[in-house]
Amino acid sequence: MKRYWLLRGLKMFALAALAVALLGYVVMGVWNAVLPAVTGLHAISFMQALGLLVLSRILFGGLRGWRRRGGNWRERIHARWEQMTPEEREKFRDVMVSRHGCRRSDTSAPASPS
């Protein structure tokens, strides 16, 4: 099991590195194609383009890291479940059974995605 997570982590790292490199080349290409001709600025290298990406992240994105969107989805689903009538709950269970083909033995709570 650890090997699977190690390979998955390596794949994600390689994909992230590839995305950063591709974004750096795009920034470099756009800068070198547009700005020297329009403004008279000098062309930039790949490392300078990566520096611009980092600088723009610091100036415009902050240093807080990636924010998770919809972070407390379990709490929201639980709150919606609590607001349902017993008839709505049964209808929801029937839809889930028809879509996914499984049914929990305990029907007092929504199925957890484990």
N, C-alpha and C. Protein backbone atom coordinates (compact mmCIF):
# COMPACT_ATOMS: atom_id res chain seq x y z
N MET A 1 0.82 -1.19 0.00
CA MET A 1 0.00 0.00 0.00
C MET A 1 0.86 1.26 0.00
N LYS A 2 1.98 1.23 0.74
CA LYS A 2 2.86 2.40 0.77
C LYS A 2 3.46 2.67 -0.60
N ARG A 3 3.74 1.60 -1.33
CA ARG A 3 4.32 1.77 -2.66
C ARG A 3 3.36 2.52 -3.58
N TYR A 4 2.07 2.20 -3.46
CA TYR A 4 1.05 2.87 -4.27
C TYR A 4 1.06 4.37 -3.99
N TRP A 5 1.09 4.75 -2.72
CA TRP A 5 1.08 6.17 -2.36
C TRP A 5 2.37 6.85 -2.77
N LEU A 6 3.48 6.13 -2.71
CA LEU A 6 4.75 6.71 -3.14
C LEU A 6 4.72 6.98 -4.64
N LEU A 7 4.24 6.02 -5.42
CA LEU A 7 4.14 6.22 -6.87
C LEU A 7 3.15 7.34 -7.21
N ARG A 8 2.07 7.39 -6.48
CA ARG A 8 1.08 8.44 -6.72
C ARG A 8 1.67 9.82 -6.39
N GLY A 9 2.43 9.90 -5.30
CA GLY A 9 3.08 11.15 -4.93
C GLY A 9 4.11 11.58 -5.96
N LEU A 10 4.87 10.62 -6.48
CA LEU A 10 5.85 10.93 -7.51
C LEU A 10 5.18 11.41 -8.79
N LYS A 11 4.07 10.78 -9.14
CA LYS A 11 3.33 11.22 -10.33
C LYS A 11 2.81 12.64 -10.16
N MET A 12 2.27 12.94 -8.97
CA MET A 12 1.75 14.28 -8.72
C MET A 12 2.87 15.32 -8.76
N PHE A 13 4.03 14.98 -8.19
CA PHE A 13 5.17 15.89 -8.22
C PHE A 13 5.63 16.14 -9.65
N ALA A 14 5.72 15.07 -10.44
CA ALA A 14 6.14 15.21 -11.83
C ALA A 14 5.13 16.03 -12.62
N LEU A 15 3.86 15.82 -12.38
CA LEU A 15 2.82 16.58 -13.06
C LEU A 15 2.87 18.06 -12.67
N ALA A 16 3.09 18.33 -11.39
CA ALA A 16 3.19 19.72 -10.93
C ALA A 16 4.42 20.39 -11.54
N ALA A 17 5.56 19.68 -11.58
CA ALA A 17 6.78 20.25 -12.17
C ALA A 17 6.58 20.52 -13.66
N LEU A 18 5.91 19.62 -14.34
CA LEU A 18 5.63 19.81 -15.76
C LEU A 18 4.71 21.02 -15.97
N ALA A 19 3.71 21.18 -15.12
CA ALA A 19 2.79 22.31 -15.23
C ALA A 19 3.52 23.64 -14.99
N VAL A 20 4.40 23.67 -13.99
CA VAL A 20 5.16 24.89 -13.71
C VAL A 20 6.08 25.22 -14.88
N ALA A 21 6.75 24.20 -15.42
CA ALA A 21 7.65 24.42 -16.55
C ALA A 21 6.87 24.92 -17.77
N LEU A 22 5.73 24.32 -18.04
CA LEU A 22 4.92 24.74 -19.17
C LEU A 22 4.43 26.18 -18.98
N LEU A 23 3.99 26.50 -17.78
CA LEU A 23 3.54 27.86 -17.50
C LEU A 23 4.68 28.86 -17.63
N GLY A 24 5.87 28.46 -17.21
CA GLY A 24 7.04 29.32 -17.37
C GLY A 24 7.35 29.60 -18.83
N TYR A 25 7.28 28.56 -19.65
CA TYR A 25 7.53 28.75 -21.08
C TYR A 25 6.45 29.62 -21.74
N VAL A 26 5.22 29.49 -21.29
CA VAL A 26 4.15 30.32 -21.83
C VAL A 26 4.40 31.79 -21.47
N VAL A 27 4.73 32.04 -20.20
CA VAL A 27 5.01 33.42 -19.78
C VAL A 27 6.20 33.98 -20.57
N MET A 28 7.24 33.19 -20.71
CA MET A 28 8.42 33.63 -21.45
C MET A 28 8.06 33.93 -22.91
N GLY A 29 7.29 33.06 -23.52
CA GLY A 29 6.91 33.25 -24.92
C GLY A 29 6.06 34.48 -25.14
N VAL A 30 5.08 34.68 -24.26
CA VAL A 30 4.21 35.85 -24.40
C VAL A 30 5.01 37.12 -24.16
N TRP A 31 5.83 37.13 -23.11
CA TRP A 31 6.65 38.32 -22.82
C TRP A 31 7.54 38.65 -24.01
N ASN A 32 8.26 37.64 -24.51
CA ASN A 32 9.22 37.88 -25.58
C ASN A 32 8.54 38.21 -26.91
N ALA A 33 7.31 37.77 -27.10
CA ALA A 33 6.61 38.07 -28.34
C ALA A 33 5.97 39.46 -28.33
N VAL A 34 5.54 39.92 -27.16
CA VAL A 34 4.77 41.15 -27.11
C VAL A 34 5.56 42.34 -26.57
N LEU A 35 6.11 42.20 -25.40
CA LEU A 35 6.66 43.37 -24.71
C LEU A 35 7.89 44.00 -25.36
N PRO A 36 8.85 43.24 -25.89
CA PRO A 36 9.98 43.94 -26.54
C PRO A 36 9.54 44.79 -27.73
N ALA A 37 8.60 44.30 -28.50
CA ALA A 37 8.16 45.06 -29.67
C ALA A 37 7.31 46.27 -29.29
N VAL A 38 6.50 46.13 -28.26
CA VAL A 38 5.57 47.19 -27.89
C VAL A 38 6.23 48.25 -27.00
N THR A 39 6.98 47.80 -26.01
CA THR A 39 7.51 48.75 -25.02
C THR A 39 9.01 48.95 -25.09
N GLY A 40 9.72 48.13 -25.84
CA GLY A 40 11.17 48.24 -25.91
C GLY A 40 11.90 47.54 -24.77
N LEU A 41 11.18 46.77 -23.96
CA LEU A 41 11.82 46.00 -22.90
C LEU A 41 12.63 44.85 -23.50
N HIS A 42 13.57 44.33 -22.74
CA HIS A 42 14.41 43.23 -23.20
C HIS A 42 13.67 41.90 -23.09
N ALA A 43 14.09 40.95 -23.89
CA ALA A 43 13.54 39.59 -23.80
C ALA A 43 14.03 38.95 -22.49
N ILE A 44 13.25 38.01 -21.98
CA ILE A 44 13.60 37.37 -20.71
C ILE A 44 13.91 35.90 -20.94
N SER A 45 14.63 35.31 -19.99
CA SER A 45 14.97 33.88 -20.05
C SER A 45 13.89 33.08 -19.33
N PHE A 46 14.03 31.77 -19.38
CA PHE A 46 13.08 30.88 -18.72
C PHE A 46 13.09 31.10 -17.21
N MET A 47 14.26 31.24 -16.61
CA MET A 47 14.36 31.43 -15.16
C MET A 47 13.75 32.78 -14.76
N GLN A 48 13.90 33.78 -15.58
CA GLN A 48 13.28 35.07 -15.28
C GLN A 48 11.76 34.97 -15.36
N ALA A 49 11.26 34.17 -16.30
CA ALA A 49 9.82 33.95 -16.40
C ALA A 49 9.30 33.24 -15.16
N LEU A 50 10.04 32.25 -14.66
CA LEU A 50 9.63 31.58 -13.42
C LEU A 50 9.65 32.57 -12.25
N GLY A 51 10.65 33.44 -12.24
CA GLY A 51 10.70 34.47 -11.21
C GLY A 51 9.50 35.40 -11.27
N LEU A 52 9.07 35.74 -12.48
CA LEU A 52 7.86 36.56 -12.63
C LEU A 52 6.62 35.84 -12.10
N LEU A 53 6.56 34.54 -12.33
CA LEU A 53 5.43 33.77 -11.81
C LEU A 53 5.41 33.79 -10.28
N VAL A 54 6.57 33.60 -9.67
CA VAL A 54 6.67 33.62 -8.21
C VAL A 54 6.31 35.01 -7.69
N LEU A 55 6.85 36.04 -8.32
CA LEU A 55 6.57 37.40 -7.90
C LEU A 55 5.08 37.73 -8.01
N SER A 56 4.44 37.30 -9.09
CA SER A 56 3.02 37.58 -9.25
C SER A 56 2.20 36.81 -8.21
N ARG A 57 2.64 35.61 -7.84
CA ARG A 57 1.96 34.85 -6.79
C ARG A 57 2.06 35.58 -5.45
N ILE A 58 3.25 36.11 -5.15
CA ILE A 58 3.43 36.83 -3.90
C ILE A 58 2.60 38.11 -3.89
N LEU A 59 2.63 38.87 -4.97
CA LEU A 59 1.94 40.15 -5.00
C LEU A 59 0.42 40.02 -5.09
N PHE A 60 -0.06 39.09 -5.90
CA PHE A 60 -1.49 39.01 -6.16
C PHE A 60 -2.19 37.84 -5.49
N GLY A 61 -1.46 36.77 -5.20
CA GLY A 61 -2.11 35.60 -4.63
C GLY A 61 -1.86 35.43 -3.15
N GLY A 62 -0.88 36.12 -2.62
CA GLY A 62 -0.56 35.98 -1.21
C GLY A 62 0.26 34.74 -0.95
N LEU A 63 0.66 34.56 0.29
CA LEU A 63 1.48 33.42 0.67
C LEU A 63 0.72 32.43 1.53
N ARG A 64 -0.59 32.46 1.49
CA ARG A 64 -1.40 31.60 2.34
C ARG A 64 -1.50 30.18 1.83
N GLY A 65 -1.06 29.92 0.65
CA GLY A 65 -1.21 28.58 0.08
C GLY A 65 -2.53 28.45 -0.65
N TRP A 66 -2.81 27.24 -1.07
CA TRP A 66 -4.05 26.99 -1.81
C TRP A 66 -5.19 26.88 -0.84
N ARG A 67 -6.27 27.57 -1.14
CA ARG A 67 -7.47 27.48 -0.32
C ARG A 67 -8.33 26.37 -0.88
N ARG A 68 -8.87 25.59 0.03
CA ARG A 68 -9.79 24.54 -0.40
C ARG A 68 -11.16 25.15 -0.58
N ARG A 69 -11.72 24.95 -1.71
CA ARG A 69 -13.06 25.48 -1.96
C ARG A 69 -14.08 24.45 -1.52
N GLY A 70 -15.07 24.92 -0.82
CA GLY A 70 -16.08 23.99 -0.31
C GLY A 70 -15.51 23.09 0.75
N GLY A 71 -14.73 23.63 1.67
CA GLY A 71 -13.98 22.83 2.62
C GLY A 71 -14.81 21.96 3.55
N ASN A 72 -15.93 22.43 4.04
CA ASN A 72 -16.71 21.67 5.01
C ASN A 72 -17.93 21.04 4.37
N TRP A 73 -17.72 20.26 3.33
CA TRP A 73 -18.83 19.70 2.60
C TRP A 73 -19.60 18.67 3.42
N ARG A 74 -18.92 17.95 4.30
CA ARG A 74 -19.62 16.97 5.13
C ARG A 74 -20.60 17.66 6.07
N GLU A 75 -20.17 18.78 6.64
CA GLU A 75 -21.06 19.51 7.53
C GLU A 75 -22.27 20.05 6.78
N ARG A 76 -22.06 20.54 5.56
CA ARG A 76 -23.18 21.05 4.78
C ARG A 76 -24.15 19.94 4.41
N ILE A 77 -23.62 18.78 4.02
CA ILE A 77 -24.49 17.66 3.67
C ILE A 77 -25.26 17.18 4.89
N HIS A 78 -24.58 17.11 6.04
CA HIS A 78 -25.25 16.69 7.26
C HIS A 78 -26.36 17.67 7.64
N ALA A 79 -26.10 18.97 7.50
CA ALA A 79 -27.13 19.98 7.81
C ALA A 79 -28.32 19.83 6.87
N ARG A 80 -28.06 19.58 5.60
CA ARG A 80 -29.18 19.39 4.65
C ARG A 80 -29.95 18.13 5.00
N TRP A 81 -29.23 17.06 5.40
CA TRP A 81 -29.87 15.81 5.76
C TRP A 81 -30.80 16.02 6.96
N GLU A 82 -30.35 16.80 7.92
CA GLU A 82 -31.15 17.05 9.11
C GLU A 82 -32.42 17.85 8.79
N GLN A 83 -32.40 18.65 7.74
CA GLN A 83 -33.55 19.45 7.37
C GLN A 83 -34.57 18.69 6.53
N MET A 84 -34.19 17.51 6.06
CA MET A 84 -35.11 16.72 5.22
C MET A 84 -36.18 16.06 6.06
N THR A 85 -37.35 15.91 5.45
CA THR A 85 -38.41 15.14 6.08
C THR A 85 -38.10 13.66 5.88
N PRO A 86 -38.74 12.78 6.66
CA PRO A 86 -38.51 11.34 6.47
C PRO A 86 -38.82 10.87 5.04
N GLU A 87 -39.83 11.47 4.41
CA GLU A 87 -40.17 11.10 3.03
C GLU A 87 -39.06 11.50 2.06
N GLU A 88 -38.52 12.72 2.27
CA GLU A 88 -37.42 13.17 1.41
C GLU A 88 -36.18 12.31 1.61
N ARG A 89 -35.92 11.89 2.84
CA ARG A 89 -34.78 11.01 3.11
C ARG A 89 -34.92 9.67 2.40
N GLU A 90 -36.13 9.12 2.47
CA GLU A 90 -36.36 7.83 1.81
C GLU A 90 -36.22 7.96 0.30
N LYS A 91 -36.72 9.05 -0.26
CA LYS A 91 -36.59 9.28 -1.70
C LYS A 91 -35.12 9.41 -2.08
N PHE A 92 -34.35 10.14 -1.26
CA PHE A 92 -32.92 10.29 -1.50
C PHE A 92 -32.21 8.94 -1.45
N ARG A 93 -32.54 8.12 -0.45
CA ARG A 93 -31.94 6.78 -0.36
C ARG A 93 -32.26 5.95 -1.60
N ASP A 94 -33.50 6.00 -2.05
CA ASP A 94 -33.89 5.23 -3.23
C ASP A 94 -33.10 5.66 -4.47
N VAL A 95 -32.91 6.98 -4.62
CA VAL A 95 -32.13 7.48 -5.75
C VAL A 95 -30.69 6.98 -5.66
N MET A 96 -30.11 7.03 -4.46
CA MET A 96 -28.72 6.58 -4.29
C MET A 96 -28.58 5.09 -4.55
N VAL A 97 -29.57 4.31 -4.11
CA VAL A 97 -29.54 2.87 -4.36
C VAL A 97 -29.64 2.59 -5.85
N SER A 98 -30.51 3.32 -6.54
CA SER A 98 -30.67 3.09 -7.98
C SER A 98 -29.42 3.50 -8.75
N ARG A 99 -28.72 4.53 -8.29
CA ARG A 99 -27.51 4.98 -8.97
C ARG A 99 -26.31 4.12 -8.66
N HIS A 100 -26.15 3.76 -7.37
CA HIS A 100 -24.92 3.11 -6.94
C HIS A 100 -25.09 1.66 -6.55
N GLY A 101 -26.31 1.21 -6.37
CA GLY A 101 -26.57 -0.20 -6.13
C GLY A 101 -26.18 -0.71 -4.76
N CYS A 102 -26.04 0.15 -3.78
CA CYS A 102 -25.71 -0.32 -2.44
C CYS A 102 -26.64 0.35 -1.44
N ARG A 103 -26.85 -0.33 -0.34
CA ARG A 103 -27.73 0.21 0.69
C ARG A 103 -27.13 -0.13 2.04
N ARG A 104 -27.08 0.86 2.93
CA ARG A 104 -26.56 0.66 4.28
C ARG A 104 -27.62 -0.04 5.12
N SER A 105 -27.17 -0.82 6.10
CA SER A 105 -28.12 -1.45 6.99
C SER A 105 -28.70 -0.44 7.96
N ASP A 106 -27.90 0.58 8.36
CA ASP A 106 -28.37 1.65 9.23
C ASP A 106 -28.91 2.76 8.35
N THR A 107 -30.21 2.99 8.40
CA THR A 107 -30.82 3.99 7.52
C THR A 107 -31.09 5.30 8.24
N SER A 108 -30.53 5.50 9.44
CA SER A 108 -30.77 6.73 10.17
C SER A 108 -29.86 7.86 9.76
N ALA A 109 -28.79 7.57 9.01
CA ALA A 109 -27.84 8.60 8.60
C ALA A 109 -27.51 8.42 7.13
N PRO A 110 -27.05 9.50 6.48
CA PRO A 110 -26.69 9.38 5.06
C PRO A 110 -25.47 8.50 4.88
N ALA A 111 -25.38 7.90 3.71
CA ALA A 111 -24.23 7.05 3.40
C ALA A 111 -22.97 7.89 3.35
N SER A 112 -21.92 7.42 4.03
CA SER A 112 -20.66 8.15 4.01
C SER A 112 -19.81 7.65 2.86
N PRO A 113 -19.11 8.53 2.17
CA PRO A 113 -18.31 8.13 1.00
C PRO A 113 -16.97 7.57 1.42
N SER A 114 -16.94 6.37 1.99
CA SER A 114 -15.66 5.80 2.40
C SER A 114 -15.21 4.68 1.55
